[in-house]
C-alpha cells in the first residue's frame, strides 16, 4: 500500500484501538507507525500489541513501525487530610518532607531532590498549569511558596519546575524495566520522556546498544537550552507540546516548534509534532478549523510525522481522526505553495559523500523529471539522507533488514520495501527497477535514480548513483 503523501502519521493505541480489527482499520485509514504509551501499558499488553501489529504487517506486506513511549519521572504532591484545599492568590504554603497529610499551610512533597535543588524565585507549576506558585524561601528540607494563581490543590497532582535543573535521570526504575520489555519484543523506536540534558541519552544508549532508534521528547525548558546537543545524540526528536506548554509560556510554543523542526531537518533527524493536534475529535466526528490549520502548519514545515494521542487511544472516533489527518496531509502536499515552502527551508548538504550523492539524486530526478529515487539502505543512513533533501518525487527505500525498514516507516517520504540484498551491481539495478514497477511508482519507459553504497552491504558508504529506465517487462533497460 503506497501512501499518497510524504508526511507520516503516528497513532497511539489504547482502549479505543487495541484489537486487531481496530489496529488494521487505523492502518488502512493512514497510520504508518503505532505508539504504545508505557504509562498505561503493562508488559503483557505491550507484547500482545506488538504481536498483533506484526500479524497485520504480514497481512499487508508493508513494514509498520512501533514506538514504545517511556513514562519518565512523574513528580507529584503528597496527600491532604481532606483530599483537597482551597487557595487564593497571595496565600503561602510549605512543601516539605513530612509524610503526614497536608492542610492549607503545608503539604508533603515526596521528592527530596526538588527540595534540595529549588531556589528562591523558581516557579512551581501544579496540575498541568492550573496552579502557579513562586518560591520564597528554601533550606533543602522544605520550601515556602506563594500562590500566584489557582484556586485548589488536591491529592497527588503533578508538579513541574521549569526553572529548576533537577538531578534526576530521565529514566526511573519503571522506565528501565519497560525499556527492557520493549527491546525484548523488538520495538523499533523508544521515546525518552522529560529529557533535560545530553547525559540522559548516554544512559539509555548503554542499554539499547543499537537495537532500537532513540527518540528524545522535547518537553522541558532545560532540553530547549541544550537543543543542538540533544538532537545530535538522538535518532529522532518529538516536539511534545503538552508539557512544553505547561513549563514555558504557551505563546512561545509555536515558535519553538518551528525552531526544533528546522534544526532537525538541517541535521537529517526525523522530527514528530505531537499533542492536541485533533483534540476535539476525542468526542466529535470532525475537528475544529484551528486544529486543521495546526496539522497543516506542521506538514507545511516538512515534519516527518504528526501524532495522534488520546484521539486514537481513548477517543470515540479513532479511525475518523486518522483519516482526517491523512486527508489534511494529502491536501497540503498538493497545495501549489507547498513545494516552494519546503524548498525554502532546505539546508545545504553536509560535506560528505553520502550527502553529496543524496543532493545530486534530488537534483537529477527533478531536472530530468524522473519517476522516483530508489535507495538501497541496510542501516537506514541512505534513506535518511535521501529524505533530508525533501525531493518532489517518490523515494523507495529498499532494505534487506526488516528492522531498518520498520524504523524508516517514520521518515518523511520513504516508501519502505523489505527485499533480499542485491548480489551485484547489475542485480541492484534490476531489482530497483522491478520493485519500482511492482509498487506502481514507475511505469515501463520511465526512468529512476538509484543510489547505494559500493561495495554493497557496507553501512554508511553511500557513494554510487545510477540512472536506469524501466523496460516493457518491468526490468531495467540500458
Protein backbone atom coordinates (compact mmCIF):
# COMPACT_ATOMS: atom_id res chain seq x y z
CA UNK A 1 0.00 0.00 0.00
CA UNK A 2 1.63 3.21 -1.18
CA UNK A 3 0.66 6.36 0.72
CA UNK A 4 -0.14 9.33 -1.49
CA UNK A 5 1.58 11.72 0.92
CA UNK A 6 5.06 12.20 2.37
CA UNK A 7 4.31 13.19 5.97
CA UNK A 8 3.73 10.12 8.13
CA UNK A 9 1.06 9.53 10.76
CA UNK A 10 1.79 8.15 14.22
CA UNK A 11 -1.27 6.80 16.07
CA UNK A 12 -1.37 5.98 19.79
CA UNK A 13 -3.04 2.72 20.76
CA UNK A 14 -5.38 2.40 23.72
CA UNK A 15 -8.81 1.11 24.78
CA UNK A 16 -10.38 2.50 21.59
CA UNK A 17 -7.83 0.79 19.36
CA UNK A 18 -6.32 -2.33 20.88
CA UNK A 19 -7.84 -5.16 18.83
CA UNK A 20 -6.52 -6.50 15.55
CA UNK A 21 -9.56 -5.23 13.69
CA UNK A 22 -9.23 -1.74 15.16
CA UNK A 23 -5.48 -1.51 14.53
CA UNK A 24 -5.94 -2.75 10.95
CA UNK A 25 -8.61 -0.08 10.43
CA UNK A 26 -6.20 2.59 11.67
CA UNK A 27 -3.52 1.33 9.28
CA UNK A 28 -5.97 1.33 6.37
CA UNK A 29 -7.00 4.88 7.30
CA UNK A 30 -3.40 6.05 7.11
CA UNK A 31 -1.42 5.22 10.27
CA UNK A 32 2.23 4.39 9.47
CA UNK A 33 3.61 3.94 12.99
CA UNK A 34 1.87 2.89 16.21
CA UNK A 35 2.72 4.35 19.63
CA UNK A 36 2.36 2.28 22.79
CA UNK A 37 2.27 4.51 25.86
CA UNK A 38 4.05 2.71 28.70
CA UNK A 39 2.35 5.00 31.22
CA UNK A 40 -0.79 2.94 30.63
CA UNK A 41 0.52 -0.39 29.28
CA UNK A 42 1.70 -3.50 31.10
CA UNK A 43 4.46 -5.66 29.68
CA UNK A 44 1.85 -8.26 28.78
CA UNK A 45 -0.21 -5.69 26.90
CA UNK A 46 2.92 -4.41 25.15
CA UNK A 47 3.82 -7.91 23.94
CA UNK A 48 0.26 -8.54 22.79
CA UNK A 49 0.02 -5.29 20.85
CA UNK A 50 3.40 -5.81 19.18
CA UNK A 51 2.40 -9.35 18.17
CA UNK A 52 -0.87 -8.06 16.72
CA UNK A 53 0.88 -5.32 14.74
CA UNK A 54 3.36 -7.83 13.33
CA UNK A 55 0.47 -10.05 12.21
CA UNK A 56 -1.06 -7.08 10.39
CA UNK A 57 2.33 -6.26 8.90
CA UNK A 58 2.49 -9.78 7.44
CA UNK A 59 -1.04 -9.46 6.06
CA UNK A 60 -0.47 -6.09 4.36
CA UNK A 61 3.14 -6.86 3.30
CA UNK A 62 4.31 -3.44 4.36
CA UNK A 63 6.76 -2.52 7.19
CA UNK A 64 4.99 -0.93 10.17
CA UNK A 65 6.89 0.98 12.86
CA UNK A 66 6.28 0.58 16.60
CA UNK A 67 7.16 3.26 19.18
CA UNK A 68 7.34 2.41 22.88
CA UNK A 69 6.96 5.66 24.83
CA UNK A 70 8.55 5.54 28.30
CA UNK A 71 6.70 7.31 31.10
CA UNK A 72 9.65 9.17 32.59
CA UNK A 73 9.83 10.59 36.13
CA UNK A 74 6.45 11.74 37.43
CA UNK A 75 6.68 14.35 40.18
CA UNK A 76 3.57 14.59 42.36
CA UNK A 77 2.33 16.20 45.57
CA UNK A 78 1.51 14.12 48.60
CA UNK A 79 -1.97 13.85 50.11
CA UNK A 80 -4.18 16.26 52.03
CA UNK A 81 -6.28 15.46 55.11
CA UNK A 82 -9.48 16.31 53.23
CA UNK A 83 -8.21 15.35 49.74
CA UNK A 84 -8.11 18.99 48.62
CA UNK A 85 -7.66 22.53 49.95
CA UNK A 86 -8.79 25.92 48.68
CA UNK A 87 -6.12 28.53 47.96
CA UNK A 88 -6.09 32.17 46.94
CA UNK A 89 -3.59 34.49 45.31
CA UNK A 90 -1.04 35.63 47.89
CA UNK A 91 -1.51 32.63 50.20
CA UNK A 92 1.66 30.91 51.37
CA UNK A 93 2.15 27.15 51.71
CA UNK A 94 5.12 24.98 52.66
CA UNK A 95 6.21 21.95 50.64
CA UNK A 96 8.19 19.68 52.96
CA UNK A 97 9.50 16.16 53.60
CA UNK A 98 6.94 15.34 56.33
CA UNK A 99 4.80 12.43 55.02
CA UNK A 100 1.78 13.29 57.16
CA UNK A 101 -1.36 14.53 55.35
CA UNK A 102 -1.32 18.21 54.42
CA UNK A 103 -3.59 21.20 55.01
CA UNK A 104 -3.80 24.87 53.97
CA UNK A 105 -0.39 25.62 55.48
CA UNK A 106 1.76 22.69 54.29
CA UNK A 107 1.84 19.52 52.20
CA UNK A 108 4.24 16.64 51.70
CA UNK A 109 6.42 16.72 48.57
CA UNK A 110 7.83 13.17 48.28
CA UNK A 111 10.78 14.24 46.13
CA UNK A 112 13.80 15.30 48.22
CA UNK A 113 15.71 16.13 45.06
CA UNK A 114 13.28 19.00 44.44
CA UNK A 115 13.66 20.40 47.95
CA UNK A 116 17.45 20.18 47.59
CA UNK A 117 17.54 21.88 44.16
CA UNK A 118 14.87 24.58 44.22
CA UNK A 119 15.90 28.20 44.82
CA UNK A 120 14.08 31.45 45.67
CA UNK A 121 12.37 32.88 42.62
CA UNK A 122 11.83 29.48 40.98
CA UNK A 123 8.33 28.79 39.72
CA UNK A 124 6.40 25.67 40.71
CA UNK A 125 3.52 24.57 38.47
CA UNK A 126 0.89 22.14 39.76
CA UNK A 127 -1.88 20.23 37.99
CA UNK A 128 -0.86 20.98 34.37
CA UNK A 129 -0.76 24.75 34.94
CA UNK A 130 -3.95 25.17 36.98
CA UNK A 131 -1.86 26.35 39.94
CA UNK A 132 1.26 28.53 39.79
CA UNK A 133 3.42 29.19 42.84
CA UNK A 134 6.62 31.17 43.37
CA UNK A 135 9.39 30.03 45.73
CA UNK A 136 10.08 32.47 48.59
CA UNK A 137 12.45 30.52 50.83
CA UNK A 138 14.08 27.07 50.85
CA UNK A 139 16.51 25.26 53.13
CA UNK A 140 16.99 21.86 51.48
CA UNK A 141 14.28 20.18 53.58
CA UNK A 142 11.33 22.45 52.88
CA UNK A 143 10.29 25.31 50.64
CA UNK A 144 7.97 28.22 51.32
CA UNK A 145 5.89 29.13 48.28
CA UNK A 146 3.44 31.91 47.46
CA UNK A 147 0.35 31.32 45.33
CA UNK A 148 0.46 33.35 42.12
CA UNK A 149 -2.67 31.86 40.56
CA UNK A 150 -5.05 28.97 41.12
CA UNK A 151 -7.87 28.04 43.48
CA UNK A 152 -7.37 24.39 44.53
CA UNK A 153 -4.63 21.93 45.48
CA UNK A 154 -5.56 18.26 45.71
CA UNK A 155 -4.07 14.82 46.23
CA UNK A 156 -1.24 13.55 44.03
CA UNK A 157 -1.36 16.31 41.43
CA UNK A 158 1.61 16.61 39.09
CA UNK A 159 4.38 19.11 39.81
CA UNK A 160 6.56 20.87 37.20
CA UNK A 161 9.60 23.04 37.85
CA UNK A 162 10.52 24.98 34.70
CA UNK A 163 13.33 26.98 36.36
CA UNK A 164 14.95 24.15 38.33
CA UNK A 165 17.56 21.80 36.89
CA UNK A 166 16.80 18.60 38.78
CA UNK A 167 19.47 15.95 39.36
CA UNK A 168 17.13 13.29 38.04
CA UNK A 169 17.75 10.70 35.38
CA UNK A 170 15.20 10.73 32.57
CA UNK A 171 14.65 7.03 33.36
CA UNK A 172 13.09 5.68 36.55
CA UNK A 173 13.27 2.04 37.66
CA UNK A 174 9.91 1.52 35.94
CA UNK A 175 11.28 3.02 32.73
CA UNK A 176 14.31 0.70 32.78
CA UNK A 177 12.05 -2.33 33.22
CA UNK A 178 9.74 -1.07 30.45
CA UNK A 179 12.74 -0.41 28.19
CA UNK A 180 13.99 -3.98 28.56
CA UNK A 181 10.47 -5.27 27.84
CA UNK A 182 10.24 -3.09 24.71
CA UNK A 183 13.63 -4.31 23.48
CA UNK A 184 12.60 -7.89 24.17
CA UNK A 185 9.60 -7.59 21.82
CA UNK A 186 11.73 -5.66 19.30
CA UNK A 187 10.04 -2.28 19.32
CA UNK A 188 11.51 -0.10 16.58
CA UNK A 189 11.64 3.20 18.48
CA UNK A 190 12.00 4.11 22.15
CA UNK A 191 10.74 7.56 23.20
CA UNK A 192 12.55 9.06 26.20
CA UNK A 193 10.37 11.43 28.22
CA UNK A 194 11.46 14.57 30.08
CA UNK A 195 14.94 14.74 28.60
CA UNK A 196 16.90 17.51 30.33
CA UNK A 197 20.49 17.05 29.23
CA UNK A 198 22.66 15.12 26.74
CA UNK A 199 23.74 12.75 29.54
CA UNK A 200 20.19 11.36 29.63
CA UNK A 201 20.72 9.97 26.13
CA UNK A 202 24.08 8.44 27.01
CA UNK A 203 22.38 6.47 29.78
CA UNK A 204 19.72 4.95 27.54
CA UNK A 205 22.17 4.19 24.73
CA UNK A 206 24.17 1.96 27.08
CA UNK A 207 21.09 -0.24 27.42
CA UNK A 208 19.69 -0.05 23.88
CA UNK A 209 23.01 -0.70 22.09
CA UNK A 210 21.56 -0.03 18.64
CA UNK A 211 18.61 -2.41 18.96
CA UNK A 212 16.09 0.44 18.52
CA UNK A 213 16.04 4.07 17.50
CA UNK A 214 16.07 6.57 20.38
CA UNK A 215 13.60 9.45 20.21
CA UNK A 216 14.03 12.42 22.54
CA UNK A 217 10.84 14.15 23.65
CA UNK A 218 11.43 17.89 23.96
CA UNK A 219 9.13 18.96 26.78
CA UNK A 220 11.44 20.68 29.29
CA UNK A 221 12.97 24.18 29.15
CA UNK A 222 16.30 22.59 30.08
CA UNK A 223 16.14 20.48 26.90
CA UNK A 224 15.42 23.56 24.77
CA UNK A 225 18.55 25.22 26.12
CA UNK A 226 20.64 22.22 25.04
CA UNK A 227 18.70 21.50 21.86
CA UNK A 228 21.59 21.15 19.41
CA UNK A 229 23.46 18.64 21.58
CA UNK A 230 20.30 16.61 22.21
CA UNK A 231 19.45 16.48 18.50
CA UNK A 232 22.97 15.35 17.69
CA UNK A 233 22.75 12.45 20.16
CA UNK A 234 19.19 11.43 19.22
CA UNK A 235 17.96 9.26 16.36
CA UNK A 236 14.71 11.26 16.24
CA UNK A 237 13.01 14.09 18.13
CA UNK A 238 9.43 14.68 19.25
CA UNK A 239 8.04 18.16 19.88
CA UNK A 240 5.93 17.21 22.92
CA UNK A 241 3.81 20.33 23.12
CA UNK A 242 1.72 19.26 26.13
CA UNK A 243 4.32 19.54 28.89
CA UNK A 244 6.28 22.11 26.88
CA UNK A 245 3.24 24.39 27.02
CA UNK A 246 2.93 23.88 30.78
CA UNK A 247 6.55 24.66 31.66
CA UNK A 248 7.02 27.52 29.20
CA UNK A 249 4.73 30.45 28.31
CA UNK A 250 2.21 28.88 25.98
CA UNK A 251 2.64 31.63 23.38
CA UNK A 252 6.29 30.60 22.91
CA UNK A 253 5.45 27.02 21.87
CA UNK A 254 4.65 27.71 18.17
CA UNK A 255 8.00 29.44 17.67
CA UNK A 256 9.82 26.66 19.49
CA UNK A 257 8.06 24.10 17.31
CA UNK A 258 9.38 25.78 14.18
CA UNK A 259 12.86 26.10 15.65
CA UNK A 260 13.01 22.41 16.62
CA UNK A 261 11.59 21.21 13.30
CA UNK A 262 14.06 23.26 11.29
CA UNK A 263 17.01 22.17 13.43
CA UNK A 264 16.05 18.52 12.94
CA UNK A 265 15.56 18.95 9.21
CA UNK A 266 19.00 20.55 8.95
CA UNK A 267 20.60 17.64 10.78
CA UNK A 268 18.62 15.00 8.88
CA UNK A 269 16.96 13.65 12.05
CA UNK A 270 13.27 12.63 11.91
CA UNK A 271 11.02 15.06 13.79
CA UNK A 272 7.48 14.48 15.06
CA UNK A 273 4.95 17.08 16.22
CA UNK A 274 2.61 15.79 18.94
CA UNK A 275 -0.16 16.67 21.40
CA UNK A 276 -3.67 18.04 20.87
CA UNK A 277 -3.43 18.07 17.07
CA UNK A 278 -7.05 16.98 16.62
CA UNK A 279 -8.08 17.12 20.29
CA UNK A 280 -11.76 17.84 19.68
CA UNK A 281 -12.07 14.57 17.75
CA UNK A 282 -11.88 12.69 21.04
CA UNK A 283 -15.60 13.46 21.31
CA UNK A 284 -16.57 14.87 17.90
CA UNK A 285 -16.51 13.30 14.42
CA UNK A 286 -14.92 16.42 12.89
CA UNK A 287 -12.11 18.71 14.13
CA UNK A 288 -12.14 22.46 14.60
CA UNK A 289 -10.81 24.72 11.84
CA UNK A 290 -7.95 25.75 14.15
CA UNK A 291 -6.91 22.09 14.59
CA UNK A 292 -6.92 21.53 10.85
CA UNK A 293 -4.72 24.60 10.46
CA UNK A 294 -2.38 23.30 13.19
CA UNK A 295 -1.84 19.97 11.42
CA UNK A 296 -1.44 21.76 8.08
CA UNK A 297 1.20 24.10 9.52
CA UNK A 298 3.28 21.15 10.70
CA UNK A 299 3.02 19.47 7.28
CA UNK A 300 3.97 22.72 5.52
CA UNK A 301 7.05 22.84 7.77
CA UNK A 302 8.13 19.45 6.39
CA UNK A 303 7.85 17.42 9.60
CA UNK A 304 8.43 13.71 9.25
CA UNK A 305 5.31 12.77 11.18
CA UNK A 306 2.30 14.15 13.01
CA UNK A 307 0.94 12.28 16.00
CA UNK A 308 -2.44 11.43 17.48
CA UNK A 309 -2.59 10.74 21.23
CA UNK A 310 -5.92 10.48 23.03
CA UNK A 311 -7.73 10.95 19.72
CA UNK A 312 -6.84 7.40 18.64
CA UNK A 313 -6.19 5.84 22.07
CA UNK A 314 -9.37 6.66 24.01
CA UNK A 315 -11.44 8.80 21.64
CA UNK A 316 -14.83 7.97 20.19
CA UNK A 317 -13.63 8.43 16.59
CA UNK A 318 -10.12 6.92 16.28
CA UNK A 319 -10.40 5.85 12.64
CA UNK A 320 -12.01 9.14 11.64
CA UNK A 321 -9.17 11.03 13.36
CA UNK A 322 -6.51 9.14 11.40
CA UNK A 323 -8.50 9.54 8.19
CA UNK A 324 -8.85 13.29 8.79
CA UNK A 325 -5.12 13.68 9.46
CA UNK A 326 -4.41 11.71 6.29
CA UNK A 327 -6.72 13.98 4.27
CA UNK A 328 -5.17 17.15 5.68
CA UNK A 329 -1.62 16.00 4.89
CA UNK A 330 -2.55 14.96 1.34
CA UNK A 331 -4.31 18.25 0.64
CA UNK A 332 -1.40 20.31 1.99
CA UNK A 333 1.14 18.44 -0.12
CA UNK A 334 -0.99 19.09 -3.22
CA UNK A 335 -1.17 22.81 -2.48
CA UNK A 336 0.69 24.96 -5.05
CA UNK A 337 2.60 26.74 -2.27
CA UNK A 338 3.86 23.54 -0.59
CA UNK A 339 6.89 22.83 -2.76
CA UNK A 340 8.12 26.41 -2.53
CA UNK A 341 7.89 26.40 1.27
CA UNK A 342 9.68 23.05 1.51
CA UNK A 343 12.44 24.22 -0.85
CA UNK A 344 12.94 27.48 1.05
CA UNK A 345 13.73 25.57 4.22
CA UNK A 346 16.10 23.05 2.64
CA UNK A 347 19.61 23.09 4.11
CA UNK A 348 22.81 22.79 2.14
CA UNK A 349 24.22 19.25 2.10
CA UNK A 350 26.92 18.36 4.59
CA UNK A 351 30.43 17.98 3.11
CA UNK A 352 30.24 14.19 2.92
CA UNK A 353 29.96 11.78 0.02
CA UNK A 354 26.59 10.50 1.24
CA UNK A 355 25.10 13.99 1.39
CA UNK A 356 26.53 14.96 -1.99
CA UNK A 357 25.08 11.83 -3.61
CA UNK A 358 21.68 12.40 -1.96
CA UNK A 359 21.59 16.05 -3.05
CA UNK A 360 22.60 15.05 -6.59
CA UNK A 361 19.85 12.42 -6.75
CA UNK A 362 17.22 15.05 -5.92
CA UNK A 363 18.56 17.48 -8.50
CA UNK A 364 18.72 14.79 -11.19
CA UNK A 365 15.27 13.33 -10.52
CA UNK A 366 13.68 16.79 -10.59
CA UNK A 367 15.71 18.22 -13.50
CA UNK A 368 15.11 15.17 -15.74
CA UNK A 369 11.56 14.62 -14.44
CA UNK A 370 12.31 11.02 -13.48
CA UNK A 371 9.78 8.77 -11.77
CA UNK A 372 11.49 8.13 -8.43
CA UNK A 373 14.61 7.80 -6.33
CA UNK A 374 15.39 4.25 -5.28
CA UNK A 375 17.86 3.90 -2.42
CA UNK A 376 19.43 0.75 -1.00
CA UNK A 377 19.87 1.10 2.74
CA UNK A 378 20.97 -1.55 5.23
CA UNK A 379 21.49 0.67 8.26
CA UNK A 380 18.95 3.33 7.24
CA UNK A 381 21.50 6.10 6.69
CA UNK A 382 21.00 6.33 2.92
CA UNK A 383 17.23 6.51 3.37
CA UNK A 384 17.57 9.29 5.94
CA UNK A 385 19.89 11.32 3.72
CA UNK A 386 17.57 10.93 0.71
CA UNK A 387 14.59 12.07 2.80
CA UNK A 388 16.54 15.04 4.20
CA UNK A 389 16.54 16.51 0.68
CA UNK A 390 12.71 16.51 0.58
CA UNK A 391 12.53 15.75 -3.19
CA UNK A 392 9.33 16.33 -5.12
CA UNK A 393 9.45 12.75 -6.45
CA UNK A 394 8.77 9.49 -4.55
CA UNK A 395 11.57 7.78 -2.61
CA UNK A 396 11.63 3.98 -2.45
CA UNK A 397 13.79 2.66 0.40
CA UNK A 398 14.90 -0.94 -0.22
CA UNK A 399 16.41 -2.80 2.73
CA UNK A 400 17.30 -6.43 3.39
CA UNK A 401 16.91 -5.69 7.12
CA UNK A 402 13.26 -5.70 8.31
CA UNK A 403 14.08 -3.70 11.45
CA UNK A 404 15.62 -0.95 9.30
CA UNK A 405 12.56 -0.79 7.05
CA UNK A 406 10.25 -0.60 10.08
CA UNK A 407 12.30 2.18 11.64
CA UNK A 408 12.27 4.14 8.37
CA UNK A 409 8.45 3.89 8.21
CA UNK A 410 8.52 7.02 10.39
CA UNK A 411 10.60 9.05 7.94
CA UNK A 412 9.21 11.66 5.51
CA UNK A 413 8.52 10.40 2.01
CA UNK A 414 10.05 6.93 2.33
CA UNK A 415 8.13 4.07 0.76
CA UNK A 416 9.84 1.16 2.51
CA UNK A 417 10.18 -2.31 0.98
CA UNK A 418 11.94 -5.31 2.51
CA UNK A 419 13.85 -7.20 -0.18
CA UNK A 420 16.78 -9.55 -0.48
CA UNK A 421 20.13 -7.83 -0.78
CA UNK A 422 21.43 -7.35 -4.30
CA UNK A 423 24.03 -9.88 -5.45
CA UNK A 424 25.96 -7.37 -7.54
CA UNK A 425 25.52 -4.02 -9.29
CA UNK A 426 23.51 -5.44 -12.20
CA UNK A 427 21.15 -7.20 -9.80
CA UNK A 428 20.90 -3.97 -7.78
CA UNK A 429 19.67 -2.04 -10.83
CA UNK A 430 17.33 -4.82 -11.99
CA UNK A 431 15.83 -5.23 -8.53
CA UNK A 432 15.31 -1.48 -8.12
CA UNK A 433 13.51 -1.18 -11.45
CA UNK A 434 11.42 -4.28 -10.87
CA UNK A 435 10.24 -3.12 -7.44
CA UNK A 436 9.54 0.43 -8.64
CA UNK A 437 7.31 -1.07 -11.33
CA UNK A 438 5.69 -3.61 -8.99
CA UNK A 439 4.86 -0.91 -6.45
CA UNK A 440 3.14 1.17 -9.17
CA UNK A 441 5.57 4.05 -8.69
CA UNK A 442 7.20 3.78 -12.14
CA UNK A 443 5.84 2.53 -15.46
CA UNK A 444 7.59 0.97 -18.46
CA UNK A 445 9.54 3.70 -20.22
CA UNK A 446 10.05 5.71 -17.03
CA UNK A 447 13.48 6.32 -15.57
CA UNK A 448 14.61 6.17 -11.94
CA UNK A 449 17.69 7.25 -9.99
CA UNK A 450 19.33 4.52 -7.91
CA UNK A 451 21.67 5.38 -5.03
CA UNK A 452 23.59 2.91 -2.90
CA UNK A 453 26.89 2.19 -1.23
CA UNK A 454 29.55 0.30 -3.11
CA UNK A 455 30.82 -2.22 -2.09
CA UNK A 456 27.33 -3.49 -1.32
CA UNK A 457 26.41 -4.34 2.27
CA UNK A 458 28.76 -1.67 3.63
CA UNK A 459 26.70 0.51 6.03
CA UNK A 460 27.07 4.27 5.65
CA UNK A 461 29.04 4.14 2.38
CA UNK A 462 26.59 5.87 0.01
CA UNK A 463 28.79 6.68 -2.98
CA UNK A 464 27.03 5.38 -6.09
CA UNK A 465 24.36 6.92 -8.34
CA UNK A 466 22.86 5.28 -11.43
CA UNK A 467 20.07 6.24 -13.83
CA UNK A 468 18.05 3.36 -15.29
CA UNK A 469 14.82 3.07 -17.20
CA UNK A 470 12.04 0.58 -16.78
CA UNK A 471 11.73 -1.71 -19.79
CA UNK A 472 8.46 -3.13 -21.06
CA UNK A 473 8.75 -6.21 -18.83
CA UNK A 474 9.40 -4.13 -15.70
CA UNK A 475 13.14 -4.86 -15.67
CA UNK A 476 15.95 -2.37 -16.11
CA UNK A 477 16.97 -1.02 -19.50
CA UNK A 478 20.28 0.18 -20.84
